[in-house]
Amino acid sequence: GYPMLIPTYEINGWMVAGLGASKLQKWAWPVELQDQLDKIAGPFSF
């Protein structure tokens, strides 16, 4: 949920963007987390 962190990028772990993000760009890394988070508690929202 870190603001202004879009697009996310490779790191030793994981990264999920926050305020200022858009789903038109890579908002989670690794990228497969995007599909996972969209299913956990409904579509992910910033």
All heavy atoms as atom14 arrays in JSON, in Angstrom:
{
  "sequence": "GYPMLIPTYEINGWMVAGLGASKLQKWAWPVELQDQLDKIAGPFSF",
  "atom14_mask": [
    [1, 1, 1, 1, 0, 0, 0, 0, 0, 0, 0, 0, 0, 0],
    [1, 1, 1, 1, 1, 1, 1, 1, 1, 1, 1, 1, 0, 0],
    [1, 1, 1, 1, 1, 1, 1, 0, 0, 0, 0, 0, 0, 0],
    [1, 1, 1, 1, 1, 1, 1, 1, 0, 0, 0, 0, 0, 0],
    [1, 1, 1, 1, 1, 1, 1, 1, 0, 0, 0, 0, 0, 0],
    [1, 1, 1, 1, 1, 1, 1, 1, 0, 0, 0, 0, 0, 0],
    [1, 1, 1, 1, 1, 1, 1, 0, 0, 0, 0, 0, 0, 0],
    [1, 1, 1, 1, 1, 1, 1, 0, 0, 0, 0, 0, 0, 0],
    [1, 1, 1, 1, 1, 1, 1, 1, 1, 1, 1, 1, 0, 0],
    [1, 1, 1, 1, 1, 1, 1, 1, 1, 0, 0, 0, 0, 0],
    [1, 1, 1, 1, 1, 1, 1, 1, 0, 0, 0, 0, 0, 0],
    [1, 1, 1, 1, 1, 1, 1, 1, 0, 0, 0, 0, 0, 0],
    [1, 1, 1, 1, 0, 0, 0, 0, 0, 0, 0, 0, 0, 0],
    [1, 1, 1, 1, 1, 1, 1, 1, 1, 1, 1, 1, 1, 1],
    [1, 1, 1, 1, 1, 1, 1, 1, 0, 0, 0, 0, 0, 0],
    [1, 1, 1, 1, 1, 1, 1, 0, 0, 0, 0, 0, 0, 0],
    [1, 1, 1, 1, 1, 0, 0, 0, 0, 0, 0, 0, 0, 0],
    [1, 1, 1, 1, 0, 0, 0, 0, 0, 0, 0, 0, 0, 0],
    [1, 1, 1, 1, 1, 1, 1, 1, 0, 0, 0, 0, 0, 0],
    [1, 1, 1, 1, 0, 0, 0, 0, 0, 0, 0, 0, 0, 0],
    [1, 1, 1, 1, 1, 0, 0, 0, 0, 0, 0, 0, 0, 0],
    [1, 1, 1, 1, 1, 1, 0, 0, 0, 0, 0, 0, 0, 0],
    [1, 1, 1, 1, 1, 1, 1, 1, 1, 0, 0, 0, 0, 0],
    [1, 1, 1, 1, 1, 1, 1, 1, 0, 0, 0, 0, 0, 0],
    [1, 1, 1, 1, 1, 1, 1, 1, 1, 0, 0, 0, 0, 0],
    [1, 1, 1, 1, 1, 1, 1, 1, 1, 0, 0, 0, 0, 0],
    [1, 1, 1, 1, 1, 1, 1, 1, 1, 1, 1, 1, 1, 1],
    [1, 1, 1, 1, 1, 0, 0, 0, 0, 0, 0, 0, 0, 0],
    [1, 1, 1, 1, 1, 1, 1, 1, 1, 1, 1, 1, 1, 1],
    [1, 1, 1, 1, 1, 1, 1, 0, 0, 0, 0, 0, 0, 0],
    [1, 1, 1, 1, 1, 1, 1, 0, 0, 0, 0, 0, 0, 0],
    [1, 1, 1, 1, 1, 1, 1, 1, 1, 0, 0, 0, 0, 0],
    [1, 1, 1, 1, 1, 1, 1, 1, 0, 0, 0, 0, 0, 0],
    [1, 1, 1, 1, 1, 1, 1, 1, 1, 0, 0, 0, 0, 0],
    [1, 1, 1, 1, 1, 1, 1, 1, 0, 0, 0, 0, 0, 0],
    [1, 1, 1, 1, 1, 1, 1, 1, 1, 0, 0, 0, 0, 0],
    [1, 1, 1, 1, 1, 1, 1, 1, 0, 0, 0, 0, 0, 0],
    [1, 1, 1, 1, 1, 1, 1, 1, 0, 0, 0, 0, 0, 0],
    [1, 1, 1, 1, 1, 1, 1, 1, 1, 0, 0, 0, 0, 0],
    [1, 1, 1, 1, 1, 1, 1, 1, 0, 0, 0, 0, 0, 0],
    [1, 1, 1, 1, 1, 0, 0, 0, 0, 0, 0, 0, 0, 0],
    [1, 1, 1, 1, 0, 0, 0, 0, 0, 0, 0, 0, 0, 0],
    [1, 1, 1, 1, 1, 1, 1, 0, 0, 0, 0, 0, 0, 0],
    [1, 1, 1, 1, 1, 1, 1, 1, 1, 1, 1, 0, 0, 0],
    [1, 1, 1, 1, 1, 1, 0, 0, 0, 0, 0, 0, 0, 0],
    [1, 1, 1, 1, 1, 1, 1, 1, 1, 1, 1, 0, 0, 0]
  ],
  "atom14_positions": [
    [[0.78, -1.23, 0.0], [0.0, 0.0, 0.0], [0.81, 1.27, 0.0], [0.3, 2.33, 0.41], [0.0, 0.0, 0.0], [0.0, 0.0, 0.0], [0.0, 0.0, 0.0], [0.0, 0.0, 0.0], [0.0, 0.0, 0.0], [0.0, 0.0, 0.0], [0.0, 0.0, 0.0], [0.0, 0.0, 0.0], [0.0, 0.0, 0.0], [0.0, 0.0, 0.0]],
    [[2.06, 1.21, -0.45], [2.91, 2.4, -0.38], [2.55, 3.39, -1.49], [2.57, 3.03, -2.67], [4.39, 2.03, -0.48], [5.28, 3.03, 0.22], [5.65, 2.83, 1.55], [5.73, 4.18, -0.42], [6.46, 3.73, 2.21], [6.54, 5.1, 0.23], [6.89, 4.87, 1.55], [7.68, 5.78, 2.21], [0.0, 0.0, 0.0], [0.0, 0.0, 0.0]],
    [[2.2, 4.63, -1.13], [1.81, 5.62, -2.14], [2.94, 5.91, -3.13], [4.12, 5.86, -2.79], [1.49, 6.87, -1.3], [1.14, 6.34, 0.05], [2.04, 5.16, 0.23], [0.0, 0.0, 0.0], [0.0, 0.0, 0.0], [0.0, 0.0, 0.0], [0.0, 0.0, 0.0], [0.0, 0.0, 0.0], [0.0, 0.0, 0.0], [0.0, 0.0, 0.0]],
    [[2.56, 6.2, -4.35], [3.46, 6.64, -5.42], [4.39, 5.53, -5.91], [5.34, 5.8, -6.63], [4.31, 7.85, -4.97], [3.55, 8.91, -4.22], [2.12, 9.51, -5.13], [2.9, 10.33, -6.51], [0.0, 0.0, 0.0], [0.0, 0.0, 0.0], [0.0, 0.0, 0.0], [0.0, 0.0, 0.0], [0.0, 0.0, 0.0], [0.0, 0.0, 0.0]],
    [[4.1, 4.29, -5.56], [4.99, 3.19, -5.92], [4.42, 2.42, -7.11], [4.02, 1.26, -7.0], [5.19, 2.26, -4.72], [6.42, 1.35, -4.75], [7.69, 2.16, -4.89], [6.47, 0.51, -3.48], [0.0, 0.0, 0.0], [0.0, 0.0, 0.0], [0.0, 0.0, 0.0], [0.0, 0.0, 0.0], [0.0, 0.0, 0.0], [0.0, 0.0, 0.0]],
    [[4.34, 3.09, -8.25], [3.79, 2.49, -9.45], [4.64, 2.93, -10.65], [4.96, 4.12, -10.75], [2.3, 2.87, -9.64], [1.63, 2.06, -10.75], [2.13, 4.35, -9.87], [1.32, 0.68, -10.4], [0.0, 0.0, 0.0], [0.0, 0.0, 0.0], [0.0, 0.0, 0.0], [0.0, 0.0, 0.0], [0.0, 0.0, 0.0], [0.0, 0.0, 0.0]],
    [[5.07, 2.05, -11.52], [4.86, 0.6, -11.42], [5.76, -0.02, -10.36], [6.82, 0.51, -10.05], [5.25, 0.12, -12.83], [6.26, 1.11, -13.3], [5.82, 2.43, -12.74], [0.0, 0.0, 0.0], [0.0, 0.0, 0.0], [0.0, 0.0, 0.0], [0.0, 0.0, 0.0], [0.0, 0.0, 0.0], [0.0, 0.0, 0.0], [0.0, 0.0, 0.0]],
    [[5.32, -1.15, -9.83], [6.15, -1.89, -8.9], [7.31, -2.53, -9.65], [7.3, -2.62, -10.88], [5.34, -2.98, -8.19], [4.68, -3.79, -9.17], [4.29, -2.35, -7.28], [0.0, 0.0, 0.0], [0.0, 0.0, 0.0], [0.0, 0.0, 0.0], [0.0, 0.0, 0.0], [0.0, 0.0, 0.0], [0.0, 0.0, 0.0], [0.0, 0.0, 0.0]],
    [[8.31, -2.97, -8.92], [9.51, -3.5, -9.58], [10.09, -4.64, -8.74], [9.69, -4.87, -7.59], [10.54, -2.39, -9.8], [10.93, -1.64, -8.54], [11.94, -2.09, -7.7], [10.26, -0.46, -8.18], [12.29, -1.4, -6.55], [10.61, 0.25, -7.04], [11.62, -0.23, -6.23], [11.96, 0.47, -5.09], [0.0, 0.0, 0.0], [0.0, 0.0, 0.0]],
    [[11.06, -5.33, -9.33], [11.63, -6.51, -8.7], [12.35, -6.14, -7.4], [13.08, -5.16, -7.32], [12.62, -7.19, -9.65], [13.21, -8.46, -9.08], [14.09, -9.18, -10.07], [14.16, -8.74, -11.24], [14.72, -10.19, -9.68], [0.0, 0.0, 0.0], [0.0, 0.0, 0.0], [0.0, 0.0, 0.0], [0.0, 0.0, 0.0], [0.0, 0.0, 0.0]],
    [[12.11, -6.97, -6.41], [12.72, -6.78, -5.1], [12.85, -8.15, -4.46], [12.17, -9.12, -4.88], [11.86, -5.82, -4.24], [12.66, -5.26, -3.06], [10.59, -6.5, -3.77], [11.95, -4.14, -2.32], [0.0, 0.0, 0.0], [0.0, 0.0, 0.0], [0.0, 0.0, 0.0], [0.0, 0.0, 0.0], [0.0, 0.0, 0.0], [0.0, 0.0, 0.0]],
    [[13.67, -8.29, -3.45], [13.8, -9.56, -2.75], [12.63, -9.71, -1.78], [12.74, -9.44, -0.59], [15.13, -9.63, -1.99], [15.32, -10.99, -1.32], [14.84, -12.0, -1.8], [16.01, -10.99, -0.19], [0.0, 0.0, 0.0], [0.0, 0.0, 0.0], [0.0, 0.0, 0.0], [0.0, 0.0, 0.0], [0.0, 0.0, 0.0], [0.0, 0.0, 0.0]],
    [[11.49, -10.12, -2.31], [10.26, -10.21, -1.53], [9.08, -9.89, -2.41], [8.95, -10.44, -3.51], [0.0, 0.0, 0.0], [0.0, 0.0, 0.0], [0.0, 0.0, 0.0], [0.0, 0.0, 0.0], [0.0, 0.0, 0.0], [0.0, 0.0, 0.0], [0.0, 0.0, 0.0], [0.0, 0.0, 0.0], [0.0, 0.0, 0.0], [0.0, 0.0, 0.0]],
    [[8.22, -8.98, -1.95], [7.06, -8.59, -2.74], [6.71, -7.13, -2.5], [7.12, -6.53, -1.52], [5.86, -9.5, -2.44], [5.61, -9.78, -0.98], [6.03, -10.88, -0.3], [4.88, -8.97, -0.03], [5.61, -10.81, 1.03], [4.9, -9.64, 1.2], [4.21, -7.75, -0.13], [4.29, -9.14, 2.35], [3.6, -7.24, 1.01], [3.63, -7.93, 2.22]],
    [[5.96, -6.59, -3.44], [5.63, -5.17, -3.42], [4.22, -4.97, -3.98], [3.9, -5.48, -5.06], [6.66, -4.4, -4.25], [6.45, -2.9, -4.33], [7.7, -2.11, -5.41], [9.21, -2.43, -4.49], [0.0, 0.0, 0.0], [0.0, 0.0, 0.0], [0.0, 0.0, 0.0], [0.0, 0.0, 0.0], [0.0, 0.0, 0.0], [0.0, 0.0, 0.0]],
    [[3.4, -4.23, -3.22], [2.05, -3.91, -3.67], [1.87, -2.4, -3.58], [2.1, -1.8, -2.54], [0.97, -4.61, -2.8], [-0.43, -4.25, -3.28], [1.17, -6.12, -2.83], [0.0, 0.0, 0.0], [0.0, 0.0, 0.0], [0.0, 0.0, 0.0], [0.0, 0.0, 0.0], [0.0, 0.0, 0.0], [0.0, 0.0, 0.0], [0.0, 0.0, 0.0]],
    [[1.48, -1.79, -4.69], [1.37, -0.33, -4.76], [0.18, 0.18, -3.95], [-0.73, -0.57, -3.58], [1.24, 0.12, -6.21], [0.0, 0.0, 0.0], [0.0, 0.0, 0.0], [0.0, 0.0, 0.0], [0.0, 0.0, 0.0], [0.0, 0.0, 0.0], [0.0, 0.0, 0.0], [0.0, 0.0, 0.0], [0.0, 0.0, 0.0], [0.0, 0.0, 0.0]],
    [[0.19, 1.49, -3.68], [-0.88, 2.12, -2.93], [-1.46, 3.31, -3.66], [-1.58, 3.3, -4.89], [0.0, 0.0, 0.0], [0.0, 0.0, 0.0], [0.0, 0.0, 0.0], [0.0, 0.0, 0.0], [0.0, 0.0, 0.0], [0.0, 0.0, 0.0], [0.0, 0.0, 0.0], [0.0, 0.0, 0.0], [0.0, 0.0, 0.0], [0.0, 0.0, 0.0]],
    [[-1.8, 4.35, -2.92], [-2.42, 5.54, -3.48], [-1.6, 6.11, -4.63], [-0.39, 6.22, -4.54], [-2.58, 6.6, -2.39], [-3.39, 7.84, -2.75], [-4.83, 7.49, -3.02], [-3.3, 8.88, -1.63], [0.0, 0.0, 0.0], [0.0, 0.0, 0.0], [0.0, 0.0, 0.0], [0.0, 0.0, 0.0], [0.0, 0.0, 0.0], [0.0, 0.0, 0.0]],
    [[-2.3, 6.46, -5.71], [-1.63, 6.97, -6.89], [-1.41, 5.9, -7.95], [-1.01, 6.19, -9.07], [0.0, 0.0, 0.0], [0.0, 0.0, 0.0], [0.0, 0.0, 0.0], [0.0, 0.0, 0.0], [0.0, 0.0, 0.0], [0.0, 0.0, 0.0], [0.0, 0.0, 0.0], [0.0, 0.0, 0.0], [0.0, 0.0, 0.0], [0.0, 0.0, 0.0]],
    [[-1.71, 4.63, -7.59], [-1.49, 3.53, -8.51], [-2.68, 3.36, -9.45], [-3.76, 3.9, -9.23], [-1.24, 2.23, -7.74], [0.0, 0.0, 0.0], [0.0, 0.0, 0.0], [0.0, 0.0, 0.0], [0.0, 0.0, 0.0], [0.0, 0.0, 0.0], [0.0, 0.0, 0.0], [0.0, 0.0, 0.0], [0.0, 0.0, 0.0], [0.0, 0.0, 0.0]],
    [[-2.46, 2.58, -10.48], [-3.49, 2.27, -11.46], [-3.32, 0.84, -11.9], [-2.2, 0.34, -12.02], [-3.37, 3.21, -12.67], [-4.12, 2.71, -13.77], [0.0, 0.0, 0.0], [0.0, 0.0, 0.0], [0.0, 0.0, 0.0], [0.0, 0.0, 0.0], [0.0, 0.0, 0.0], [0.0, 0.0, 0.0], [0.0, 0.0, 0.0], [0.0, 0.0, 0.0]],
    [[-4.43, 0.17, -12.16], [-4.35, -1.21, -12.63], [-3.95, -1.29, -14.11], [-3.81, -2.38, -14.65], [-5.67, -1.93, -12.39], [-5.89, -2.27, -10.92], [-6.97, -3.28, -10.72], [-6.99, -3.77, -9.27], [-8.04, -4.78, -9.04], [0.0, 0.0, 0.0], [0.0, 0.0, 0.0], [0.0, 0.0, 0.0], [0.0, 0.0, 0.0], [0.0, 0.0, 0.0]],
    [[-3.77, -0.14, -14.72], [-3.27, -0.11, -16.1], [-1.77, -0.34, -16.15], [-1.22, -0.56, -17.22], [-3.62, 1.23, -16.75], [-5.11, 1.55, -16.89], [-5.31, 2.93, -17.49], [-5.81, 0.49, -17.75], [0.0, 0.0, 0.0], [0.0, 0.0, 0.0], [0.0, 0.0, 0.0], [0.0, 0.0, 0.0], [0.0, 0.0, 0.0], [0.0, 0.0, 0.0]],
    [[-1.13, -0.26, -14.99], [0.29, -0.52, -14.9], [0.55, -1.64, -13.89], [-0.35, -2.03, -13.14], [1.05, 0.74, -14.5], [1.05, 1.82, -15.57], [1.99, 2.95, -15.23], [1.69, 3.78, -14.4], [3.14, 2.97, -15.89], [0.0, 0.0, 0.0], [0.0, 0.0, 0.0], [0.0, 0.0, 0.0], [0.0, 0.0, 0.0], [0.0, 0.0, 0.0]],
    [[1.76, -2.14, -13.85], [2.09, -3.24, -12.94], [2.01, -2.74, -11.5], [2.83, -1.95, -11.06], [3.49, -3.76, -13.25], [3.87, -5.01, -12.45], [5.13, -5.66, -12.99], [6.33, -4.75, -12.85], [7.59, -5.39, -13.28], [0.0, 0.0, 0.0], [0.0, 0.0, 0.0], [0.0, 0.0, 0.0], [0.0, 0.0, 0.0], [0.0, 0.0, 0.0]],
    [[1.02, -3.22, -10.76], [0.78, -2.71, -9.42], [1.2, -3.67, -8.32], [1.11, -3.35, -7.13], [-0.69, -2.33, -9.23], [-1.7, -3.4, -9.56], [-2.25, -3.65, -10.78], [-2.27, -4.35, -8.65], [-3.14, -4.71, -10.69], [-3.17, -5.15, -9.4], [-2.11, -4.6, -7.29], [-3.91, -6.18, -8.83], [-2.84, -5.62, -6.7], [-3.73, -6.4, -7.47]],
    [[1.68, -4.86, -8.7], [2.2, -5.81, -7.7], [3.36, -6.57, -8.31], [3.41, -6.84, -9.51], [1.11, -6.78, -7.25], [0.0, 0.0, 0.0], [0.0, 0.0, 0.0], [0.0, 0.0, 0.0], [0.0, 0.0, 0.0], [0.0, 0.0, 0.0], [0.0, 0.0, 0.0], [0.0, 0.0, 0.0], [0.0, 0.0, 0.0], [0.0, 0.0, 0.0]],
    [[4.33, -6.88, -7.46], [5.46, -7.73, -7.86], [5.73, -8.76, -6.78], [5.71, -8.41, -5.59], [6.73, -6.89, -8.08], [7.77, -7.67, -8.81], [7.97, -7.72, -10.17], [8.71, -8.59, -8.26], [8.98, -8.59, -10.48], [9.46, -9.15, -9.32], [9.01, -9.0, -6.95], [10.46, -10.09, -9.13], [10.01, -9.94, -6.75], [10.73, -10.48, -7.83]],
    [[5.91, -10.02, -7.16], [5.84, -10.58, -8.51], [4.45, -10.39, -9.14], [3.45, -10.32, -8.43], [6.15, -12.06, -8.3], [6.84, -12.14, -6.98], [6.25, -11.04, -6.16], [0.0, 0.0, 0.0], [0.0, 0.0, 0.0], [0.0, 0.0, 0.0], [0.0, 0.0, 0.0], [0.0, 0.0, 0.0], [0.0, 0.0, 0.0], [0.0, 0.0, 0.0]],
    [[4.4, -10.33, -10.45], [3.18, -9.94, -11.15], [2.03, -10.9, -10.89], [0.86, -10.51, -10.94], [3.46, -9.8, -12.67], [3.75, -11.17, -13.29], [2.32, -9.09, -13.36], [0.0, 0.0, 0.0], [0.0, 0.0, 0.0], [0.0, 0.0, 0.0], [0.0, 0.0, 0.0], [0.0, 0.0, 0.0], [0.0, 0.0, 0.0], [0.0, 0.0, 0.0]],
    [[2.33, -12.17, -10.57], [1.26, -13.13, -10.31], [0.45, -12.77, -9.06], [-0.67, -13.26, -8.86], [1.8, -14.55, -10.19], [2.88, -14.74, -9.15], [4.27, -14.65, -9.75], [4.44, -13.97, -10.78], [5.2, -15.27, -9.17], [0.0, 0.0, 0.0], [0.0, 0.0, 0.0], [0.0, 0.0, 0.0], [0.0, 0.0, 0.0], [0.0, 0.0, 0.0]],
    [[1.0, -11.91, -8.2], [0.25, -11.48, -7.03], [-0.99, -10.68, -7.42], [-1.96, -10.63, -6.65], [1.14, -10.62, -6.12], [2.23, -11.34, -5.32], [2.98, -10.33, -4.45], [1.63, -12.44, -4.47], [0.0, 0.0, 0.0], [0.0, 0.0, 0.0], [0.0, 0.0, 0.0], [0.0, 0.0, 0.0], [0.0, 0.0, 0.0], [0.0, 0.0, 0.0]],
    [[-0.97, -10.07, -8.58], [-2.12, -9.28, -9.0], [-3.38, -10.14, -9.1], [-4.44, -9.77, -8.58], [-1.83, -8.58, -10.34], [-0.71, -7.57, -10.24], [-0.44, -6.82, -11.54], [0.29, -5.84, -11.57], [-1.02, -7.29, -12.63], [0.0, 0.0, 0.0], [0.0, 0.0, 0.0], [0.0, 0.0, 0.0], [0.0, 0.0, 0.0], [0.0, 0.0, 0.0]],
    [[-3.26, -11.29, -9.74], [-4.41, -12.2, -9.85], [-4.8, -12.75, -8.48], [-5.99, -12.89, -8.17], [-4.09, -13.35, -10.8], [-4.02, -12.91, -12.25], [-4.66, -11.88, -12.59], [-3.33, -13.57, -13.05], [0.0, 0.0, 0.0], [0.0, 0.0, 0.0], [0.0, 0.0, 0.0], [0.0, 0.0, 0.0], [0.0, 0.0, 0.0], [0.0, 0.0, 0.0]],
    [[-3.81, -13.06, -7.66], [-4.1, -13.61, -6.34], [-4.87, -12.6, -5.47], [-5.88, -12.94, -4.84], [-2.8, -14.01, -5.65], [-2.07, -15.15, -6.32], [-0.74, -15.47, -5.64], [-0.6, -15.37, -4.42], [0.25, -15.87, -6.44], [0.0, 0.0, 0.0], [0.0, 0.0, 0.0], [0.0, 0.0, 0.0], [0.0, 0.0, 0.0], [0.0, 0.0, 0.0]],
    [[-4.38, -11.36, -5.43], [-5.01, -10.35, -4.57], [-6.39, -9.95, -5.08], [-7.24, -9.54, -4.29], [-4.1, -9.13, -4.47], [-2.78, -9.35, -3.72], [-1.94, -8.09, -3.74], [-3.04, -9.79, -2.29], [0.0, 0.0, 0.0], [0.0, 0.0, 0.0], [0.0, 0.0, 0.0], [0.0, 0.0, 0.0], [0.0, 0.0, 0.0], [0.0, 0.0, 0.0]],
    [[-6.62, -10.06, -6.37], [-7.94, -9.74, -6.9], [-8.99, -10.76, -6.5], [-10.2, -10.52, -6.67], [-7.88, -9.63, -8.44], [-7.6, -8.22, -8.91], [-7.87, -7.27, -8.16], [-7.12, -8.06, -10.05], [0.0, 0.0, 0.0], [0.0, 0.0, 0.0], [0.0, 0.0, 0.0], [0.0, 0.0, 0.0], [0.0, 0.0, 0.0], [0.0, 0.0, 0.0]],
    [[-8.54, -11.9, -5.96], [-9.48, -12.96, -5.59], [-9.62, -13.13, -4.07], [-10.58, -13.77, -3.62], [-9.0, -14.29, -6.19], [-8.97, -14.3, -7.71], [-8.36, -15.58, -8.24], [-8.28, -15.56, -9.77], [-7.63, -16.78, -10.31], [0.0, 0.0, 0.0], [0.0, 0.0, 0.0], [0.0, 0.0, 0.0], [0.0, 0.0, 0.0], [0.0, 0.0, 0.0]],
    [[-8.71, -12.58, -3.3], [-8.72, -12.81, -1.85], [-9.91, -12.15, -1.18], [-10.7, -12.77, -0.46], [-7.41, -12.32, -1.21], [-6.21, -13.08, -1.78], [-7.47, -12.48, 0.31], [-6.29, -14.57, -1.59], [0.0, 0.0, 0.0], [0.0, 0.0, 0.0], [0.0, 0.0, 0.0], [0.0, 0.0, 0.0], [0.0, 0.0, 0.0], [0.0, 0.0, 0.0]],
    [[-10.07, -10.84, -1.39], [-11.15, -10.09, -0.74], [-11.92, -9.26, -1.76], [-12.35, -8.15, -1.48], [-10.57, -9.18, 0.34], [0.0, 0.0, 0.0], [0.0, 0.0, 0.0], [0.0, 0.0, 0.0], [0.0, 0.0, 0.0], [0.0, 0.0, 0.0], [0.0, 0.0, 0.0], [0.0, 0.0, 0.0], [0.0, 0.0, 0.0], [0.0, 0.0, 0.0]],
    [[-12.07, -9.8, -2.95], [-12.69, -9.04, -4.03], [-11.62, -8.28, -4.79], [-10.45, -8.27, -4.4], [0.0, 0.0, 0.0], [0.0, 0.0, 0.0], [0.0, 0.0, 0.0], [0.0, 0.0, 0.0], [0.0, 0.0, 0.0], [0.0, 0.0, 0.0], [0.0, 0.0, 0.0], [0.0, 0.0, 0.0], [0.0, 0.0, 0.0], [0.0, 0.0, 0.0]],
    [[-11.98, -7.64, -5.89], [-11.0, -6.9, -6.69], [-10.21, -5.92, -5.83], [-10.78, -5.14, -5.07], [-11.87, -6.17, -7.72], [-13.09, -7.03, -7.84], [-13.34, -7.57, -6.47], [0.0, 0.0, 0.0], [0.0, 0.0, 0.0], [0.0, 0.0, 0.0], [0.0, 0.0, 0.0], [0.0, 0.0, 0.0], [0.0, 0.0, 0.0], [0.0, 0.0, 0.0]],
    [[-8.89, -5.98, -5.95], [-8.04, -5.13, -5.13], [-8.27, -3.67, -5.48], [-8.4, -3.3, -6.65], [-6.57, -5.48, -5.34], [-5.64, -4.82, -4.36], [-5.41, -5.38, -3.12], [-5.01, -3.63, -4.68], [-4.55, -4.78, -2.21], [-4.16, -3.01, -3.79], [-3.93, -3.58, -2.54], [0.0, 0.0, 0.0], [0.0, 0.0, 0.0], [0.0, 0.0, 0.0]],
    [[-8.29, -2.81, -4.45], [-8.53, -1.38, -4.66], [-7.44, -0.58, -3.96], [-6.95, -0.99, -2.9], [-9.9, -0.99, -4.12], [-10.11, 0.39, -4.23], [0.0, 0.0, 0.0], [0.0, 0.0, 0.0], [0.0, 0.0, 0.0], [0.0, 0.0, 0.0], [0.0, 0.0, 0.0], [0.0, 0.0, 0.0], [0.0, 0.0, 0.0], [0.0, 0.0, 0.0]],
    [[-7.07, 0.56, -4.55], [-6.03, 1.4, -3.98], [-6.58, 2.52, -3.1], [-5.85, 3.13, -2.32], [-5.18, 2.02, -5.1], [-4.65, 1.02, -6.06], [-5.17, 0.93, -7.34], [-3.64, 0.14, -5.69], [-4.68, 0.01, -8.24], [-3.15, -0.79, -6.58], [-3.68, -0.87, -7.87], [0.0, 0.0, 0.0], [0.0, 0.0, 0.0], [0.0, 0.0, 0.0]]
  ]
}
